[in-house]
N, C-alpha and C. Protein backbone atom coordinates (compact mmCIF):
# COMPACT_ATOMS: atom_id res chain seq x y z
N MET A 1 30.40 27.19 145.44
CA MET A 1 31.03 27.80 144.29
C MET A 1 30.16 27.58 143.06
N ASN A 2 30.00 28.61 142.26
CA ASN A 2 29.16 28.56 141.08
C ASN A 2 29.97 28.06 139.89
N ASN A 3 29.63 26.87 139.36
CA ASN A 3 30.34 26.29 138.22
C ASN A 3 29.65 26.57 136.90
N ILE A 4 28.61 27.39 136.91
CA ILE A 4 27.91 27.72 135.68
C ILE A 4 28.71 28.80 134.95
N PRO A 5 29.09 28.53 133.68
CA PRO A 5 29.88 29.52 132.95
C PRO A 5 29.08 30.79 132.69
N SER A 6 29.77 31.91 132.74
CA SER A 6 29.14 33.21 132.46
C SER A 6 29.00 33.37 130.94
N ILE A 7 28.20 34.36 130.54
CA ILE A 7 28.00 34.64 129.12
C ILE A 7 29.34 34.97 128.45
N PRO A 8 30.20 35.83 129.04
CA PRO A 8 31.51 36.09 128.39
C PRO A 8 32.36 34.81 128.27
N GLU A 9 32.29 33.92 129.26
CA GLU A 9 33.05 32.68 129.20
C GLU A 9 32.51 31.77 128.10
N ILE A 10 31.21 31.68 127.98
CA ILE A 10 30.58 30.86 126.92
C ILE A 10 30.97 31.43 125.56
N PHE A 11 30.95 32.76 125.43
CA PHE A 11 31.32 33.42 124.18
C PHE A 11 32.78 33.11 123.83
N ALA A 12 33.68 33.26 124.80
CA ALA A 12 35.11 33.02 124.56
C ALA A 12 35.35 31.57 124.16
N ARG A 13 34.72 30.64 124.84
CA ARG A 13 34.90 29.22 124.49
C ARG A 13 34.34 28.93 123.10
N SER A 14 33.21 29.53 122.77
CA SER A 14 32.62 29.32 121.44
C SER A 14 33.54 29.84 120.35
N VAL A 15 34.16 30.99 120.58
CA VAL A 15 35.10 31.54 119.61
C VAL A 15 36.29 30.60 119.44
N LEU A 16 36.85 30.12 120.53
CA LEU A 16 38.00 29.21 120.45
C LEU A 16 37.62 27.91 119.76
N ASP A 17 36.40 27.44 119.98
CA ASP A 17 35.97 26.16 119.40
C ASP A 17 35.76 26.21 117.90
N VAL A 18 35.52 27.37 117.31
CA VAL A 18 35.33 27.43 115.86
C VAL A 18 36.63 27.62 115.10
N LEU A 19 37.74 27.86 115.80
CA LEU A 19 39.03 28.04 115.14
C LEU A 19 39.59 26.69 114.68
N SER A 20 40.31 26.70 113.57
CA SER A 20 40.90 25.46 113.06
C SER A 20 42.16 25.07 113.83
N ALA A 21 42.81 26.03 114.47
CA ALA A 21 44.02 25.73 115.25
C ALA A 21 43.65 24.91 116.48
N HIS A 22 44.54 24.02 116.85
CA HIS A 22 44.38 23.25 118.08
C HIS A 22 44.92 24.13 119.20
N ILE A 23 44.07 24.46 120.17
CA ILE A 23 44.43 25.43 121.20
C ILE A 23 44.26 24.83 122.59
N ALA A 24 45.29 25.05 123.41
CA ALA A 24 45.24 24.69 124.83
C ALA A 24 45.65 25.91 125.63
N ILE A 25 44.97 26.12 126.74
CA ILE A 25 45.34 27.19 127.66
C ILE A 25 45.89 26.55 128.92
N LEU A 26 47.09 27.01 129.31
CA LEU A 26 47.79 26.44 130.46
C LEU A 26 48.02 27.51 131.51
N ASP A 27 48.14 27.08 132.77
CA ASP A 27 48.61 28.01 133.79
C ASP A 27 50.14 27.98 133.77
N ILE A 28 50.79 28.76 134.61
CA ILE A 28 52.25 28.85 134.55
C ILE A 28 52.97 27.58 135.00
N ASN A 29 52.24 26.67 135.62
CA ASN A 29 52.84 25.39 136.04
C ASN A 29 52.63 24.29 135.00
N GLY A 30 51.95 24.61 133.90
CA GLY A 30 51.71 23.64 132.85
C GLY A 30 50.38 22.91 132.96
N LYS A 31 49.58 23.25 133.96
CA LYS A 31 48.27 22.61 134.12
C LYS A 31 47.35 23.08 132.99
N VAL A 32 46.72 22.11 132.32
CA VAL A 32 45.80 22.44 131.23
C VAL A 32 44.50 22.97 131.81
N ILE A 33 44.16 24.18 131.43
CA ILE A 33 42.93 24.83 131.88
C ILE A 33 41.79 24.56 130.90
N TYR A 34 42.12 24.58 129.60
CA TYR A 34 41.09 24.44 128.58
C TYR A 34 41.73 23.97 127.28
N VAL A 35 41.04 23.10 126.55
CA VAL A 35 41.42 22.76 125.18
C VAL A 35 40.19 22.96 124.29
N ASN A 36 40.42 23.48 123.08
CA ASN A 36 39.29 23.75 122.20
C ASN A 36 38.86 22.49 121.44
N LYS A 37 37.81 22.63 120.64
CA LYS A 37 37.23 21.49 119.92
C LYS A 37 38.23 20.87 118.95
N ALA A 38 39.00 21.69 118.23
CA ALA A 38 39.99 21.14 117.29
C ALA A 38 41.01 20.27 118.02
N TRP A 39 41.42 20.72 119.21
CA TRP A 39 42.37 19.94 120.02
C TRP A 39 41.74 18.62 120.44
N GLN A 40 40.48 18.70 120.91
CA GLN A 40 39.77 17.50 121.35
C GLN A 40 39.60 16.50 120.20
N ASP A 41 39.20 17.03 119.03
CA ASP A 41 39.01 16.15 117.87
C ASP A 41 40.31 15.46 117.48
N PHE A 42 41.42 16.20 117.48
CA PHE A 42 42.71 15.62 117.14
C PHE A 42 43.08 14.52 118.13
N ALA A 43 42.89 14.79 119.40
CA ALA A 43 43.23 13.80 120.43
C ALA A 43 42.39 12.54 120.28
N GLN A 44 41.11 12.70 119.96
CA GLN A 44 40.25 11.53 119.79
C GLN A 44 40.62 10.73 118.54
N GLN A 45 41.07 11.41 117.50
CA GLN A 45 41.46 10.72 116.26
C GLN A 45 42.83 10.05 116.38
N ASN A 46 43.58 10.44 117.38
CA ASN A 46 44.92 9.90 117.60
C ASN A 46 44.94 9.30 119.00
N SER A 47 44.51 8.06 119.10
CA SER A 47 44.24 7.43 120.40
C SER A 47 45.42 7.46 121.36
N SER A 48 46.65 7.55 120.85
CA SER A 48 47.79 7.60 121.76
C SER A 48 47.87 8.93 122.50
N CYS A 49 47.05 9.91 122.09
CA CYS A 49 47.07 11.24 122.72
C CYS A 49 45.82 11.51 123.55
N LEU A 50 45.06 10.49 123.87
CA LEU A 50 43.80 10.70 124.58
C LEU A 50 43.98 11.38 125.93
N ASP A 51 45.13 11.18 126.57
CA ASP A 51 45.33 11.84 127.86
C ASP A 51 45.33 13.36 127.73
N MET A 52 45.57 13.87 126.52
CA MET A 52 45.57 15.32 126.32
C MET A 52 44.15 15.90 126.39
N LEU A 53 43.14 15.07 126.43
CA LEU A 53 41.77 15.55 126.57
C LEU A 53 41.42 15.87 128.02
N LEU A 54 42.14 15.30 128.94
CA LEU A 54 41.81 15.46 130.35
C LEU A 54 42.18 16.84 130.84
N SER A 55 41.26 17.48 131.54
CA SER A 55 41.62 18.75 132.14
C SER A 55 42.46 18.47 133.38
N GLU A 56 43.21 19.43 133.75
CA GLU A 56 44.07 19.40 134.93
C GLU A 56 45.27 18.46 134.79
N ILE A 57 45.55 17.98 133.58
CA ILE A 57 46.80 17.24 133.41
C ILE A 57 47.92 18.26 133.28
N ASN A 58 49.15 17.80 133.45
CA ASN A 58 50.27 18.70 133.27
C ASN A 58 50.79 18.53 131.85
N TYR A 59 50.72 19.60 131.09
CA TYR A 59 51.12 19.59 129.68
C TYR A 59 52.59 19.21 129.52
N PHE A 60 53.43 19.66 130.43
CA PHE A 60 54.86 19.38 130.33
C PHE A 60 55.14 17.89 130.46
N GLN A 61 54.32 17.17 131.20
CA GLN A 61 54.54 15.75 131.41
C GLN A 61 53.94 14.89 130.31
N SER A 62 52.96 15.41 129.57
CA SER A 62 52.31 14.57 128.57
C SER A 62 52.44 15.12 127.15
N TYR A 63 53.21 16.17 126.98
CA TYR A 63 53.35 16.80 125.67
C TYR A 63 53.77 15.80 124.60
N HIS A 64 53.07 15.83 123.49
CA HIS A 64 53.36 15.01 122.31
C HIS A 64 53.44 13.53 122.60
N CYS A 65 52.75 13.09 123.62
CA CYS A 65 52.70 11.65 123.90
C CYS A 65 54.11 11.06 123.91
N THR A 66 54.99 11.62 124.70
CA THR A 66 56.41 11.29 124.63
C THR A 66 56.73 9.84 124.93
N ASP A 67 55.81 9.09 125.52
CA ASP A 67 56.08 7.66 125.76
C ASP A 67 56.29 6.92 124.44
N SER A 68 55.55 7.32 123.40
CA SER A 68 55.66 6.63 122.12
C SER A 68 56.44 7.46 121.10
N ALA A 69 57.03 8.56 121.53
CA ALA A 69 57.73 9.44 120.60
C ALA A 69 59.07 8.86 120.18
N THR A 70 59.45 9.16 118.95
CA THR A 70 60.79 8.83 118.48
C THR A 70 61.78 9.76 119.19
N PRO A 71 63.07 9.44 119.16
CA PRO A 71 64.04 10.36 119.78
C PRO A 71 63.96 11.77 119.21
N TYR A 72 63.73 11.89 117.90
CA TYR A 72 63.61 13.21 117.28
C TYR A 72 62.38 13.95 117.83
N GLU A 73 61.25 13.24 117.91
CA GLU A 73 60.03 13.86 118.44
C GLU A 73 60.20 14.25 119.91
N ALA A 74 60.88 13.41 120.67
CA ALA A 74 61.12 13.72 122.08
C ALA A 74 62.00 14.96 122.21
N LYS A 75 62.99 15.09 121.33
CA LYS A 75 63.85 16.28 121.35
C LYS A 75 63.03 17.52 121.02
N GLU A 76 62.18 17.44 119.99
CA GLU A 76 61.31 18.57 119.64
C GLU A 76 60.39 18.92 120.80
N ALA A 77 59.88 17.92 121.50
CA ALA A 77 59.01 18.16 122.65
C ALA A 77 59.76 18.93 123.72
N ARG A 78 61.02 18.56 123.97
CA ARG A 78 61.83 19.29 124.96
C ARG A 78 62.06 20.73 124.52
N VAL A 79 62.36 20.92 123.24
CA VAL A 79 62.59 22.27 122.71
C VAL A 79 61.32 23.11 122.88
N PHE A 80 60.16 22.52 122.56
CA PHE A 80 58.90 23.25 122.67
C PHE A 80 58.59 23.57 124.13
N THR A 81 58.84 22.62 125.01
CA THR A 81 58.61 22.85 126.44
C THR A 81 59.51 23.97 126.96
N LEU A 82 60.76 23.97 126.53
CA LEU A 82 61.66 25.06 126.93
C LEU A 82 61.18 26.39 126.36
N GLY A 83 60.62 26.36 125.16
CA GLY A 83 60.04 27.58 124.57
C GLY A 83 58.89 28.11 125.40
N ILE A 84 58.04 27.21 125.88
CA ILE A 84 56.93 27.61 126.76
C ILE A 84 57.48 28.27 128.02
N CYS A 85 58.50 27.64 128.59
CA CYS A 85 59.10 28.19 129.83
C CYS A 85 59.71 29.56 129.58
N ASP A 86 60.34 29.76 128.42
CA ASP A 86 60.91 31.07 128.08
C ASP A 86 59.83 32.14 127.98
N VAL A 87 58.68 31.77 127.41
CA VAL A 87 57.57 32.73 127.30
C VAL A 87 57.00 33.04 128.69
N ILE A 88 56.80 32.01 129.50
CA ILE A 88 56.27 32.21 130.85
C ILE A 88 57.20 33.11 131.66
N ALA A 89 58.51 32.89 131.54
CA ALA A 89 59.49 33.66 132.32
C ALA A 89 59.69 35.07 131.77
N GLY A 90 59.13 35.34 130.59
CA GLY A 90 59.28 36.66 130.00
C GLY A 90 60.56 36.85 129.20
N HIS A 91 61.29 35.76 128.94
CA HIS A 91 62.52 35.84 128.14
C HIS A 91 62.20 36.07 126.66
N LYS A 92 61.03 35.62 126.24
CA LYS A 92 60.58 35.79 124.85
C LYS A 92 59.11 36.19 124.87
N PRO A 93 58.70 37.08 123.94
CA PRO A 93 57.28 37.44 123.90
C PRO A 93 56.41 36.31 123.33
N GLU A 94 57.01 35.49 122.46
CA GLU A 94 56.32 34.33 121.91
C GLU A 94 57.36 33.32 121.45
N PHE A 95 56.90 32.12 121.17
CA PHE A 95 57.78 31.05 120.69
C PHE A 95 57.04 30.29 119.61
N THR A 96 57.74 29.96 118.53
CA THR A 96 57.14 29.16 117.46
C THR A 96 58.10 28.04 117.06
N LEU A 97 57.51 26.94 116.60
CA LEU A 97 58.30 25.80 116.15
C LEU A 97 57.47 25.00 115.15
N GLU A 98 58.06 24.75 113.98
CA GLU A 98 57.44 23.86 113.01
C GLU A 98 57.88 22.45 113.33
N SER A 99 56.94 21.52 113.31
CA SER A 99 57.32 20.14 113.61
C SER A 99 56.45 19.16 112.85
N ALA A 100 57.05 18.01 112.59
CA ALA A 100 56.32 16.92 111.95
C ALA A 100 55.51 16.19 113.01
N CYS A 101 54.35 15.74 112.61
CA CYS A 101 53.49 14.96 113.51
C CYS A 101 52.79 13.92 112.64
N HIS A 102 53.61 13.02 112.07
CA HIS A 102 53.09 12.04 111.14
C HIS A 102 52.32 10.94 111.88
N SER A 103 51.32 10.44 111.21
CA SER A 103 50.57 9.30 111.75
C SER A 103 50.91 8.09 110.89
N PRO A 104 50.45 6.92 111.27
CA PRO A 104 50.71 5.74 110.43
C PRO A 104 50.08 5.85 109.03
N THR A 105 49.06 6.70 108.90
CA THR A 105 48.36 6.78 107.61
C THR A 105 48.62 8.06 106.81
N GLU A 106 49.23 9.07 107.43
CA GLU A 106 49.47 10.31 106.69
C GLU A 106 50.63 11.11 107.27
N LYS A 107 51.24 11.89 106.37
CA LYS A 107 52.28 12.82 106.80
C LYS A 107 51.59 14.14 107.09
N ARG A 108 52.01 14.78 108.18
CA ARG A 108 51.42 16.06 108.53
C ARG A 108 52.41 16.86 109.36
N TRP A 109 52.29 18.18 109.25
CA TRP A 109 53.16 19.10 109.96
C TRP A 109 52.32 20.16 110.63
N PHE A 110 52.84 20.70 111.73
CA PHE A 110 52.14 21.74 112.47
C PHE A 110 53.10 22.87 112.83
N LEU A 111 52.55 24.06 112.91
CA LEU A 111 53.29 25.20 113.44
C LEU A 111 52.77 25.41 114.85
N GLY A 112 53.63 25.16 115.83
CA GLY A 112 53.27 25.37 117.23
C GLY A 112 53.64 26.79 117.62
N LYS A 113 52.76 27.44 118.35
CA LYS A 113 53.00 28.82 118.78
C LYS A 113 52.59 28.96 120.24
N VAL A 114 53.40 29.69 120.99
CA VAL A 114 53.14 29.92 122.41
C VAL A 114 53.09 31.42 122.65
N THR A 115 52.03 31.87 123.29
CA THR A 115 51.91 33.27 123.69
C THR A 115 51.39 33.32 125.13
N LYS A 116 51.62 34.46 125.75
CA LYS A 116 51.27 34.60 127.17
C LYS A 116 50.25 35.72 127.32
N PHE A 117 49.36 35.56 128.29
CA PHE A 117 48.47 36.66 128.66
C PHE A 117 48.28 36.64 130.17
N GLN A 118 47.80 37.74 130.68
CA GLN A 118 47.67 37.88 132.13
C GLN A 118 46.28 38.42 132.46
N ILE A 119 45.67 37.85 133.50
CA ILE A 119 44.42 38.35 134.05
C ILE A 119 44.69 38.64 135.52
N LYS A 120 44.68 39.92 135.85
CA LYS A 120 45.09 40.38 137.19
C LYS A 120 46.50 39.89 137.46
N GLU A 121 46.71 39.11 138.51
CA GLU A 121 48.06 38.61 138.82
C GLU A 121 48.33 37.25 138.19
N ASP A 122 47.32 36.61 137.64
CA ASP A 122 47.47 35.26 137.10
C ASP A 122 47.99 35.29 135.66
N ILE A 123 49.02 34.48 135.39
CA ILE A 123 49.61 34.38 134.06
C ILE A 123 49.18 33.06 133.43
N PHE A 124 48.81 33.14 132.16
CA PHE A 124 48.38 31.97 131.40
C PHE A 124 49.15 31.92 130.08
N VAL A 125 49.18 30.75 129.50
CA VAL A 125 49.86 30.55 128.22
C VAL A 125 48.87 29.91 127.24
N VAL A 126 48.87 30.43 126.02
CA VAL A 126 48.09 29.82 124.94
C VAL A 126 49.06 29.04 124.07
N VAL A 127 48.79 27.75 123.93
CA VAL A 127 49.56 26.90 123.04
C VAL A 127 48.65 26.57 121.87
N SER A 128 49.10 26.92 120.67
CA SER A 128 48.27 26.63 119.50
C SER A 128 49.10 25.89 118.46
N TYR A 129 48.42 25.00 117.76
CA TYR A 129 49.04 24.25 116.66
C TYR A 129 48.17 24.46 115.43
N GLU A 130 48.77 24.99 114.39
CA GLU A 130 48.08 25.19 113.12
C GLU A 130 48.62 24.16 112.13
N ASN A 131 47.73 23.46 111.46
CA ASN A 131 48.13 22.45 110.49
C ASN A 131 48.72 23.15 109.26
N ILE A 132 50.00 22.89 108.97
CA ILE A 132 50.68 23.50 107.83
C ILE A 132 51.08 22.44 106.80
N THR A 133 50.39 21.31 106.82
CA THR A 133 50.73 20.20 105.95
C THR A 133 50.69 20.60 104.48
N GLU A 134 49.66 21.29 104.06
CA GLU A 134 49.54 21.67 102.65
C GLU A 134 50.75 22.50 102.21
N ARG A 135 51.14 23.47 103.02
CA ARG A 135 52.30 24.30 102.70
C ARG A 135 53.58 23.47 102.62
N LYS A 136 53.76 22.56 103.59
CA LYS A 136 54.97 21.73 103.62
C LYS A 136 55.04 20.80 102.39
N LEU A 137 53.90 20.26 101.97
CA LEU A 137 53.89 19.40 100.80
C LEU A 137 54.25 20.18 99.54
N VAL A 138 53.76 21.42 99.43
CA VAL A 138 54.11 22.28 98.29
C VAL A 138 55.61 22.60 98.33
N GLU A 139 56.13 22.92 99.51
CA GLU A 139 57.57 23.20 99.65
C GLU A 139 58.39 22.00 99.22
N GLN A 140 57.98 20.81 99.64
CA GLN A 140 58.71 19.59 99.27
C GLN A 140 58.67 19.37 97.76
N ALA A 141 57.51 19.59 97.17
CA ALA A 141 57.38 19.41 95.71
C ALA A 141 58.27 20.41 94.97
N LEU A 142 58.30 21.65 95.44
CA LEU A 142 59.16 22.65 94.81
C LEU A 142 60.64 22.29 94.94
N LEU A 143 61.05 21.82 96.11
CA LEU A 143 62.44 21.40 96.29
C LEU A 143 62.79 20.24 95.37
N GLU A 144 61.86 19.31 95.21
CA GLU A 144 62.09 18.17 94.34
C GLU A 144 62.23 18.62 92.89
N LYS A 145 61.36 19.52 92.45
CA LYS A 145 61.42 20.04 91.07
C LYS A 145 62.71 20.83 90.86
N GLU A 146 63.11 21.61 91.85
CA GLU A 146 64.36 22.37 91.77
C GLU A 146 65.55 21.43 91.65
N SER A 147 65.53 20.36 92.43
CA SER A 147 66.61 19.38 92.38
C SER A 147 66.66 18.70 91.01
N GLN A 148 65.50 18.36 90.47
CA GLN A 148 65.45 17.72 89.16
C GLN A 148 65.98 18.66 88.08
N LEU A 149 65.59 19.93 88.15
CA LEU A 149 66.05 20.92 87.17
C LEU A 149 67.56 21.11 87.28
N LYS A 150 68.07 21.19 88.48
CA LYS A 150 69.51 21.36 88.69
C LYS A 150 70.26 20.16 88.11
N CYS A 151 69.75 18.96 88.36
CA CYS A 151 70.38 17.75 87.84
C CYS A 151 70.35 17.75 86.31
N LEU A 152 69.24 18.15 85.72
CA LEU A 152 69.10 18.20 84.27
C LEU A 152 70.09 19.19 83.67
N VAL A 153 70.21 20.36 84.27
CA VAL A 153 71.11 21.40 83.78
C VAL A 153 72.56 20.95 83.92
N GLU A 154 72.91 20.42 85.09
CA GLU A 154 74.30 20.02 85.35
C GLU A 154 74.73 18.83 84.49
N SER A 155 73.83 17.92 84.22
CA SER A 155 74.20 16.72 83.47
C SER A 155 74.19 16.95 81.95
N ASN A 156 73.74 18.10 81.53
CA ASN A 156 73.65 18.39 80.10
C ASN A 156 75.04 18.64 79.52
N ILE A 157 75.32 18.09 78.33
CA ILE A 157 76.62 18.31 77.71
C ILE A 157 76.69 19.65 76.98
N ILE A 158 75.57 20.28 76.83
CA ILE A 158 75.51 21.60 76.20
C ILE A 158 75.62 22.65 77.30
N GLY A 159 76.39 23.68 77.02
CA GLY A 159 76.54 24.75 77.99
C GLY A 159 75.24 25.52 78.19
N ILE A 160 74.86 25.67 79.43
CA ILE A 160 73.62 26.39 79.77
C ILE A 160 73.99 27.51 80.73
N VAL A 161 73.47 28.69 80.45
CA VAL A 161 73.76 29.85 81.29
C VAL A 161 72.46 30.59 81.59
N PHE A 162 72.39 31.13 82.82
CA PHE A 162 71.26 31.94 83.24
C PHE A 162 71.77 33.37 83.44
N TRP A 163 71.11 34.32 82.82
CA TRP A 163 71.52 35.72 82.89
C TRP A 163 70.50 36.51 83.68
N HIS A 164 70.99 37.46 84.44
CA HIS A 164 70.11 38.42 85.11
C HIS A 164 69.78 39.51 84.10
N LEU A 165 68.71 40.24 84.32
CA LEU A 165 68.33 41.32 83.41
C LEU A 165 69.42 42.39 83.29
N ASN A 166 70.27 42.50 84.30
CA ASN A 166 71.33 43.51 84.25
C ASN A 166 72.56 43.02 83.48
N GLY A 167 72.49 41.80 82.92
CA GLY A 167 73.58 41.28 82.10
C GLY A 167 74.56 40.39 82.83
N GLN A 168 74.42 40.23 84.13
CA GLN A 168 75.33 39.37 84.88
C GLN A 168 74.88 37.92 84.80
N ILE A 169 75.88 37.02 84.76
CA ILE A 169 75.59 35.59 84.80
C ILE A 169 75.23 35.23 86.23
N THR A 170 74.07 34.58 86.41
CA THR A 170 73.66 34.16 87.75
C THR A 170 73.97 32.69 88.01
N LYS A 171 73.89 31.87 86.97
CA LYS A 171 74.20 30.45 87.09
C LYS A 171 74.66 29.95 85.73
N ALA A 172 75.49 28.93 85.78
CA ALA A 172 75.90 28.27 84.55
C ALA A 172 76.33 26.85 84.90
N ASN A 173 76.09 25.94 83.97
CA ASN A 173 76.53 24.57 84.23
C ASN A 173 77.99 24.42 83.85
N SER A 174 78.59 23.30 84.24
CA SER A 174 80.02 23.10 83.99
C SER A 174 80.33 23.03 82.50
N ALA A 175 79.41 22.53 81.69
CA ALA A 175 79.64 22.46 80.24
C ALA A 175 79.80 23.85 79.64
N PHE A 176 79.19 24.84 80.21
CA PHE A 176 79.31 26.21 79.71
C PHE A 176 80.75 26.71 79.84
N PHE A 177 81.45 26.26 80.87
CA PHE A 177 82.79 26.73 81.12
C PHE A 177 83.86 25.88 80.42
N CYS A 178 83.43 24.87 79.67
CA CYS A 178 84.35 24.03 78.93
C CYS A 178 85.04 24.86 77.86
N ASP A 179 86.32 24.62 77.63
CA ASP A 179 87.10 25.40 76.67
C ASP A 179 86.47 25.40 75.28
N ASP A 180 85.79 24.31 74.91
CA ASP A 180 85.19 24.22 73.59
C ASP A 180 84.08 25.26 73.38
N TRP A 181 83.48 25.68 74.46
CA TRP A 181 82.34 26.61 74.36
C TRP A 181 82.77 28.06 74.45
N LEU A 182 83.92 28.35 75.02
CA LEU A 182 84.35 29.74 75.21
C LEU A 182 85.05 30.31 74.02
C-alpha cells in the first residue's frame, strides 16, 4: 500500500493547516482521521488534551478530556457528541455550540461546529472550533455596562425617561412615575 500523500492530499492538508480554527476530521464511528495544525498546537499547549493528538483515537471517548472535566463541561461534551451523532444520522445538516474552555491562566470560549461530507459511500464529519474569546469578552463588558447604567437610572431620585423617536416612552425609572413628578 502506498502511504505517500498525493498532491491533492498535500494541498488539502496545507489549506487546513493555515486556518485558525481547530479542525478534526472523523469517520462515522468517531475515529479521528486528521487534525490540523491549530488543533495540534492547542493540544500541545494544554497537556491534559495530549491524547487528542493521536490519530485513530475515538473522539467520542476522549472529547474535551472528560476525565478532568467539571460536571458542566461533561454535560456540554455529551450535548456536542449528540450533535455530532445527529449530523452523522442526517437529522441535522450541521450543529453548533458555544462553550467555555477556560484554562488555569485564561478565560476562553469556542464556537464548535459540526458538518458532514461524503466521498463515494464513505461519510465523514468535520469538527471545528473557532476561538470566540474576544467576542465573548466584549459581550460581557457590554452586559456589565448595561447593568451599571440600569442600576444608575433605577437608583436615581430624579425621574428619568427614554423616548422613542415616534414619541412613545420606551423606558422610565420608578422615580418618573412618582406622583410628585406627574
